[in-house]
Amino acid sequence: MSKEFTVGDRVRITTLPAYVKTADPMPMLRPPNVISVGEEGTIVDRRPGNFWSVRFANGTFLLDQQYLERLGDQ
């Protein structure tokens, strides 16, 4: 099932990836514990390869859409 997000959508983490990448101009890999399952964020940008730039309380990270669900979708 393909889900599309738009900039400004509120999303929630459903599962954690093996690592997360920052959305900085020079991205860095971080351990997955910088975010947690259930944490909510806002879509900021779409990147190539079905990656989304998502702003959370402790930073903005690039995440594949498989790890995200739109809030309000149940």
PDB file of N, CA and C in Angstrom:
ATOM      1  N   MET A   1       0.837  -1.171   0.000  1.00  0.00           N
ATOM      2  CA  MET A   1       0.000   0.000   0.000  1.00  0.00           C
ATOM      3  C   MET A   1       0.887   1.241   0.000  1.00  0.00           C
ATOM      4  N   SER A   2       0.755   2.059  -1.017  1.00  0.00           N
ATOM      5  CA  SER A   2       1.564   3.266  -1.137  1.00  0.00           C
ATOM      6  C   SER A   2       0.861   4.427  -0.447  1.00  0.00           C
ATOM      7  N   LYS A   3       1.599   5.143   0.358  1.00  0.00           N
ATOM      8  CA  LYS A   3       1.029   6.300   1.030  1.00  0.00           C
ATOM      9  C   LYS A   3       1.831   7.521   0.624  1.00  0.00           C
ATOM     10  N   GLU A   4       1.139   8.574   0.330  1.00  0.00           N
ATOM     11  CA  GLU A   4       1.801   9.811  -0.054  1.00  0.00           C
ATOM     12  C   GLU A   4       1.598  10.842   1.033  1.00  0.00           C
ATOM     13  N   PHE A   5       2.656  11.550   1.314  1.00  0.00           N
ATOM     14  CA  PHE A   5       2.599  12.636   2.277  1.00  0.00           C
ATOM     15  C   PHE A   5       2.750  13.948   1.525  1.00  0.00           C
ATOM     16  N   THR A   6       2.354  15.025   2.165  1.00  0.00           N
ATOM     17  CA  THR A   6       2.589  16.354   1.617  1.00  0.00           C
ATOM     18  C   THR A   6       3.305  17.175   2.680  1.00  0.00           C
ATOM     19  N   VAL A   7       4.002  18.199   2.234  1.00  0.00           N
ATOM     20  CA  VAL A   7       4.716  19.079   3.157  1.00  0.00           C
ATOM     21  C   VAL A   7       3.709  19.657   4.146  1.00  0.00           C
ATOM     22  N   GLY A   8       4.060  19.583   5.421  1.00  0.00           N
ATOM     23  CA  GLY A   8       3.194  20.087   6.476  1.00  0.00           C
ATOM     24  C   GLY A   8       2.404  19.007   7.185  1.00  0.00           C
ATOM     25  N   ASP A   9       2.344  17.785   6.612  1.00  0.00           N
ATOM     26  CA  ASP A   9       1.625  16.689   7.269  1.00  0.00           C
ATOM     27  C   ASP A   9       2.281  16.343   8.594  1.00  0.00           C
ATOM     28  N   ARG A  10       1.464  16.022   9.589  1.00  0.00           N
ATOM     29  CA  ARG A  10       1.958  15.507  10.869  1.00  0.00           C
ATOM     30  C   ARG A  10       2.056  13.994  10.726  1.00  0.00           C
ATOM     31  N   VAL A  11       3.204  13.431  11.125  1.00  0.00           N
ATOM     32  CA  VAL A  11       3.436  11.999  10.998  1.00  0.00           C
ATOM     33  C   VAL A  11       3.939  11.431  12.321  1.00  0.00           C
ATOM     34  N   ARG A  12       3.885  10.104  12.424  1.00  0.00           N
ATOM     35  CA  ARG A  12       4.339   9.383  13.614  1.00  0.00           C
ATOM     36  C   ARG A  12       5.280   8.259  13.156  1.00  0.00           C
ATOM     37  N   ILE A  13       6.306   7.990  13.961  1.00  0.00           N
ATOM     38  CA  ILE A  13       7.234   6.890  13.695  1.00  0.00           C
ATOM     39  C   ILE A  13       6.539   5.579  14.075  1.00  0.00           C
ATOM     40  N   THR A  14       6.479   4.613  13.144  1.00  0.00           N
ATOM     41  CA  THR A  14       5.862   3.322  13.437  1.00  0.00           C
ATOM     42  C   THR A  14       6.902   2.276  13.826  1.00  0.00           C
ATOM     43  N   THR A  15       8.061   2.300  13.187  1.00  0.00           N
ATOM     44  CA  THR A  15       9.184   1.417  13.528  1.00  0.00           C
ATOM     45  C   THR A  15      10.466   2.207  13.336  1.00  0.00           C
ATOM     46  N   LEU A  16      11.520   1.784  14.009  1.00  0.00           N
ATOM     47  CA  LEU A  16      12.807   2.484  13.885  1.00  0.00           C
ATOM     48  C   LEU A  16      13.678   1.833  12.824  1.00  0.00           C
ATOM     49  N   PRO A  17      14.341   2.637  12.001  1.00  0.00           N
ATOM     50  CA  PRO A  17      15.324   2.089  11.060  1.00  0.00           C
ATOM     51  C   PRO A  17      16.598   1.696  11.810  1.00  0.00           C
ATOM     52  N   ALA A  18      17.520   1.060  11.115  1.00  0.00           N
ATOM     53  CA  ALA A  18      18.787   0.659  11.726  1.00  0.00           C
ATOM     54  C   ALA A  18      19.624   1.874  12.130  1.00  0.00           C
ATOM     55  N   TYR A  19      19.449   2.978  11.432  1.00  0.00           N
ATOM     56  CA  TYR A  19      20.129   4.233  11.723  1.00  0.00           C
ATOM     57  C   TYR A  19      19.285   5.348  11.138  1.00  0.00           C
ATOM     58  N   VAL A  20      19.536   6.575  11.535  1.00  0.00           N
ATOM     59  CA  VAL A  20      18.852   7.724  10.945  1.00  0.00           C
ATOM     60  C   VAL A  20      19.895   8.690  10.396  1.00  0.00           C
ATOM     61  N   LYS A  21      19.502   9.396   9.371  1.00  0.00           N
ATOM     62  CA  LYS A  21      20.396  10.363   8.732  1.00  0.00           C
ATOM     63  C   LYS A  21      19.840  11.752   8.974  1.00  0.00           C
ATOM     64  N   THR A  22      20.708  12.660   9.393  1.00  0.00           N
ATOM     65  CA  THR A  22      20.267  14.032   9.596  1.00  0.00           C
ATOM     66  C   THR A  22      19.961  14.668   8.245  1.00  0.00           C
ATOM     67  N   ALA A  23      19.113  15.683   8.251  1.00  0.00           N
ATOM     68  CA  ALA A  23      18.739  16.380   7.022  1.00  0.00           C
ATOM     69  C   ALA A  23      19.559  17.647   6.837  1.00  0.00           C
ATOM     70  N   ASP A  24      20.737  17.689   7.431  1.00  0.00           N
ATOM     71  CA  ASP A  24      21.626  18.843   7.314  1.00  0.00           C
ATOM     72  C   ASP A  24      22.230  18.910   5.914  1.00  0.00           C
ATOM     73  N   PRO A  25      22.793  20.072   5.541  1.00  0.00           N
ATOM     74  CA  PRO A  25      23.473  20.163   4.241  1.00  0.00           C
ATOM     75  C   PRO A  25      24.577  19.101   4.082  1.00  0.00           C
ATOM     76  N   MET A  26      25.255  18.760   5.187  1.00  0.00           N
ATOM     77  CA  MET A  26      26.194  17.643   5.178  1.00  0.00           C
ATOM     78  C   MET A  26      25.616  16.581   6.121  1.00  0.00           C
ATOM     79  N   PRO A  27      24.789  15.648   5.590  1.00  0.00           N
ATOM     80  CA  PRO A  27      24.106  14.673   6.442  1.00  0.00           C
ATOM     81  C   PRO A  27      25.077  13.786   7.216  1.00  0.00           C
ATOM     82  N   MET A  28      24.655  13.394   8.407  1.00  0.00           N
ATOM     83  CA  MET A  28      25.443  12.500   9.245  1.00  0.00           C
ATOM     84  C   MET A  28      24.544  11.360   9.708  1.00  0.00           C
ATOM     85  N   LEU A  29      25.104  10.172   9.854  1.00  0.00           N
ATOM     86  CA  LEU A  29      24.353   9.044  10.383  1.00  0.00           C
ATOM     87  C   LEU A  29      24.345   9.108  11.902  1.00  0.00           C
ATOM     88  N   ARG A  30      23.199   8.807  12.467  1.00  0.00           N
ATOM     89  CA  ARG A  30      23.030   8.807  13.909  1.00  0.00           C
ATOM     90  C   ARG A  30      22.409   7.482  14.329  1.00  0.00           C
ATOM     91  N   PRO A  31      22.620   7.071  15.578  1.00  0.00           N
ATOM     92  CA  PRO A  31      21.955   5.852  16.059  1.00  0.00           C
ATOM     93  C   PRO A  31      20.444   6.087  16.108  1.00  0.00           C
ATOM     94  N   PRO A  32      19.668   5.032  16.002  1.00  0.00           N
ATOM     95  CA  PRO A  32      18.208   5.214  15.956  1.00  0.00           C
ATOM     96  C   PRO A  32      17.597   5.722  17.251  1.00  0.00           C
ATOM     97  N   ASN A  33      18.336   5.698  18.356  1.00  0.00           N
ATOM     98  CA  ASN A  33      17.742   6.125  19.622  1.00  0.00           C
ATOM     99  C   ASN A  33      17.619   7.648  19.765  1.00  0.00           C
ATOM    100  N   VAL A  34      17.973   8.415  18.732  1.00  0.00           N
ATOM    101  CA  VAL A  34      17.747   9.868  18.789  1.00  0.00           C
ATOM    102  C   VAL A  34      16.265  10.192  18.585  1.00  0.00           C
ATOM    103  N   ILE A  35      15.510   9.225  18.047  1.00  0.00           N
ATOM    104  CA  ILE A  35      14.057   9.332  17.941  1.00  0.00           C
ATOM    105  C   ILE A  35      13.472   8.046  18.522  1.00  0.00           C
ATOM    106  N   SER A  36      12.188   8.031  18.778  1.00  0.00           N
ATOM    107  CA  SER A  36      11.579   6.839  19.354  1.00  0.00           C
ATOM    108  C   SER A  36      10.279   6.501  18.632  1.00  0.00           C
ATOM    109  N   VAL A  37       9.890   5.234  18.723  1.00  0.00           N
ATOM    110  CA  VAL A  37       8.628   4.794  18.131  1.00  0.00           C
ATOM    111  C   VAL A  37       7.494   5.582  18.788  1.00  0.00           C
ATOM    112  N   GLY A  38       6.601   6.091  17.958  1.00  0.00           N
ATOM    113  CA  GLY A  38       5.482   6.881  18.458  1.00  0.00           C
ATOM    114  C   GLY A  38       5.736   8.377  18.471  1.00  0.00           C
ATOM    115  N   GLU A  39       6.994   8.776  18.274  1.00  0.00           N
ATOM    116  CA  GLU A  39       7.306  10.208  18.256  1.00  0.00           C
ATOM    117  C   GLU A  39       6.657  10.853  17.036  1.00  0.00           C
ATOM    118  N   GLU A  40       6.169  12.061  17.220  1.00  0.00           N
ATOM    119  CA  GLU A  40       5.473  12.777  16.157  1.00  0.00           C
ATOM    120  C   GLU A  40       6.332  13.908  15.615  1.00  0.00           C
ATOM    121  N   GLY A  41       6.205  14.125  14.306  1.00  0.00           N
ATOM    122  CA  GLY A  41       6.950  15.183  13.648  1.00  0.00           C
ATOM    123  C   GLY A  41       6.163  15.757  12.490  1.00  0.00           C
ATOM    124  N   THR A  42       6.789  16.678  11.770  1.00  0.00           N
ATOM    125  CA  THR A  42       6.159  17.362  10.642  1.00  0.00           C
ATOM    126  C   THR A  42       7.005  17.168   9.391  1.00  0.00           C
ATOM    127  N   ILE A  43       6.354  16.814   8.286  1.00  0.00           N
ATOM    128  CA  ILE A  43       7.043  16.676   6.996  1.00  0.00           C
ATOM    129  C   ILE A  43       7.513  18.064   6.558  1.00  0.00           C
ATOM    130  N   VAL A  44       8.810  18.166   6.237  1.00  0.00           N
ATOM    131  CA  VAL A  44       9.393  19.441   5.824  1.00  0.00           C
ATOM    132  C   VAL A  44       9.665  19.448   4.324  1.00  0.00           C
ATOM    133  N   ASP A  45      10.059  18.282   3.771  1.00  0.00           N
ATOM    134  CA  ASP A  45      10.530  18.234   2.395  1.00  0.00           C
ATOM    135  C   ASP A  45      10.504  16.802   1.910  1.00  0.00           C
ATOM    136  N   ARG A  46      10.419  16.618   0.592  1.00  0.00           N
ATOM    137  CA  ARG A  46      10.551  15.292  -0.004  1.00  0.00           C
ATOM    138  C   ARG A  46      11.915  15.200  -0.665  1.00  0.00           C
ATOM    139  N   ARG A  47      12.564  14.074  -0.498  1.00  0.00           N
ATOM    140  CA  ARG A  47      13.872  13.837  -1.091  1.00  0.00           C
ATOM    141  C   ARG A  47      13.775  12.658  -2.052  1.00  0.00           C
ATOM    142  N   PRO A  48      14.707  12.524  -2.993  1.00  0.00           N
ATOM    143  CA  PRO A  48      14.665  11.394  -3.936  1.00  0.00           C
ATOM    144  C   PRO A  48      14.685  10.050  -3.209  1.00  0.00           C
ATOM    145  N   GLY A  49      14.030   9.057  -3.805  1.00  0.00           N
ATOM    146  CA  GLY A  49      14.052   7.701  -3.272  1.00  0.00           C
ATOM    147  C   GLY A  49      13.045   7.454  -2.169  1.00  0.00           C
ATOM    148  N   ASN A  50      11.922   8.177  -2.168  1.00  0.00           N
ATOM    149  CA  ASN A  50      10.889   8.027  -1.140  1.00  0.00           C
ATOM    150  C   ASN A  50      11.371   8.362   0.257  1.00  0.00           C
ATOM    151  N   PHE A  51      12.328   9.272   0.369  1.00  0.00           N
ATOM    152  CA  PHE A  51      12.772   9.742   1.675  1.00  0.00           C
ATOM    153  C   PHE A  51      12.100  11.068   1.966  1.00  0.00           C
ATOM    154  N   TRP A  52      11.766  11.244   3.230  1.00  0.00           N
ATOM    155  CA  TRP A  52      11.108  12.458   3.676  1.00  0.00           C
ATOM    156  C   TRP A  52      11.936  13.117   4.754  1.00  0.00           C
ATOM    157  N   SER A  53      12.040  14.413   4.675  1.00  0.00           N
ATOM    158  CA  SER A  53      12.697  15.193   5.711  1.00  0.00           C
ATOM    159  C   SER A  53      11.622  15.521   6.747  1.00  0.00           C
ATOM    160  N   VAL A  54      11.839  15.024   7.979  1.00  0.00           N
ATOM    161  CA  VAL A  54      10.838  15.165   9.034  1.00  0.00           C
ATOM    162  C   VAL A  54      11.458  15.892  10.226  1.00  0.00           C
ATOM    163  N   ARG A  55      10.786  16.954  10.677  1.00  0.00           N
ATOM    164  CA  ARG A  55      11.259  17.724  11.829  1.00  0.00           C
ATOM    165  C   ARG A  55      10.638  17.162  13.099  1.00  0.00           C
ATOM    166  N   PHE A  56      11.515  16.761  14.017  1.00  0.00           N
ATOM    167  CA  PHE A  56      11.102  16.287  15.336  1.00  0.00           C
ATOM    168  C   PHE A  56      11.594  17.288  16.374  1.00  0.00           C
ATOM    169  N   ALA A  57      11.273  17.053  17.636  1.00  0.00           N
ATOM    170  CA  ALA A  57      11.670  17.963  18.708  1.00  0.00           C
ATOM    171  C   ALA A  57      13.188  18.100  18.804  1.00  0.00           C
ATOM    172  N   ASN A  58      13.931  17.029  18.506  1.00  0.00           N
ATOM    173  CA  ASN A  58      15.389  17.066  18.676  1.00  0.00           C
ATOM    174  C   ASN A  58      16.154  17.075  17.351  1.00  0.00           C
ATOM    175  N   GLY A  59      15.521  17.493  16.263  1.00  0.00           N
ATOM    176  CA  GLY A  59      16.231  17.617  15.000  1.00  0.00           C
ATOM    177  C   GLY A  59      15.390  17.213  13.810  1.00  0.00           C
ATOM    178  N   THR A  60      15.969  17.398  12.618  1.00  0.00           N
ATOM    179  CA  THR A  60      15.310  17.039  11.370  1.00  0.00           C
ATOM    180  C   THR A  60      16.082  15.886  10.747  1.00  0.00           C
ATOM    181  N   PHE A  61      15.352  14.821  10.399  1.00  0.00           N
ATOM    182  CA  PHE A  61      15.976  13.595   9.915  1.00  0.00           C
ATOM    183  C   PHE A  61      15.332  13.137   8.622  1.00  0.00           C
ATOM    184  N   LEU A  62      16.098  12.395   7.816  1.00  0.00           N
ATOM    185  CA  LEU A  62      15.596  11.806   6.583  1.00  0.00           C
ATOM    186  C   LEU A  62      15.124  10.390   6.885  1.00  0.00           C
ATOM    187  N   LEU A  63      13.871  10.106   6.572  1.00  0.00           N
ATOM    188  CA  LEU A  63      13.297   8.795   6.842  1.00  0.00           C
ATOM    189  C   LEU A  63      12.559   8.281   5.630  1.00  0.00           C
ATOM    190  N   ASP A  64      12.660   6.980   5.384  1.00  0.00           N
ATOM    191  CA  ASP A  64      11.902   6.320   4.333  1.00  0.00           C
ATOM    192  C   ASP A  64      10.438   6.304   4.747  1.00  0.00           C
ATOM    193  N   GLN A  65       9.546   6.383   3.780  1.00  0.00           N
ATOM    194  CA  GLN A  65       8.117   6.440   4.104  1.00  0.00           C
ATOM    195  C   GLN A  65       7.610   5.185   4.794  1.00  0.00           C
ATOM    196  N   GLN A  66       8.327   4.068   4.695  1.00  0.00           N
ATOM    197  CA  GLN A  66       7.867   2.842   5.356  1.00  0.00           C
ATOM    198  C   GLN A  66       7.894   2.939   6.886  1.00  0.00           C
ATOM    199  N   TYR A  67       8.646   3.889   7.420  1.00  0.00           N
ATOM    200  CA  TYR A  67       8.748   4.057   8.876  1.00  0.00           C
ATOM    201  C   TYR A  67       7.751   5.069   9.426  1.00  0.00           C
ATOM    202  N   LEU A  68       6.927   5.641   8.542  1.00  0.00           N
ATOM    203  CA  LEU A  68       6.042   6.737   8.933  1.00  0.00           C
ATOM    204  C   LEU A  68       4.581   6.423   8.686  1.00  0.00           C
ATOM    205  N   GLU A  69       3.718   7.018   9.498  1.00  0.00           N
ATOM    206  CA  GLU A  69       2.289   6.996   9.229  1.00  0.00           C
ATOM    207  C   GLU A  69       1.748   8.399   9.465  1.00  0.00           C
ATOM    208  N   ARG A  70       0.815   8.799   8.639  1.00  0.00           N
ATOM    209  CA  ARG A  70       0.207  10.118   8.776  1.00  0.00           C
ATOM    210  C   ARG A  70      -0.723  10.095   9.977  1.00  0.00           C
ATOM    211  N   LEU A  71      -0.677  11.124  10.789  1.00  0.00           N
ATOM    212  CA  LEU A  71      -1.589  11.228  11.921  1.00  0.00           C
ATOM    213  C   LEU A  71      -2.999  11.428  11.396  1.00  0.00           C
ATOM    214  N   GLY A  72      -3.936  10.749  12.007  1.00  0.00           N
ATOM    215  CA  GLY A  72      -5.317  10.810  11.540  1.00  0.00           C
ATOM    216  C   GLY A  72      -5.678   9.618  10.678  1.00  0.00           C
ATOM    217  N   ASP A  73      -4.680   8.884  10.149  1.00  0.00           N
ATOM    218  CA  ASP A  73      -4.929   7.656   9.376  1.00  0.00           C
ATOM    219  C   ASP A  73      -4.973   6.481  10.352  1.00  0.00           C
ATOM    220  N   GLN A  74      -6.071   5.821  10.452  1.00  0.00           N
ATOM    221  CA  GLN A  74      -6.168   4.632  11.276  1.00  0.00           C
ATOM    222  C   GLN A  74      -6.839   3.532  10.543  1.00  0.00           C
TER     223      GLN A  74
END
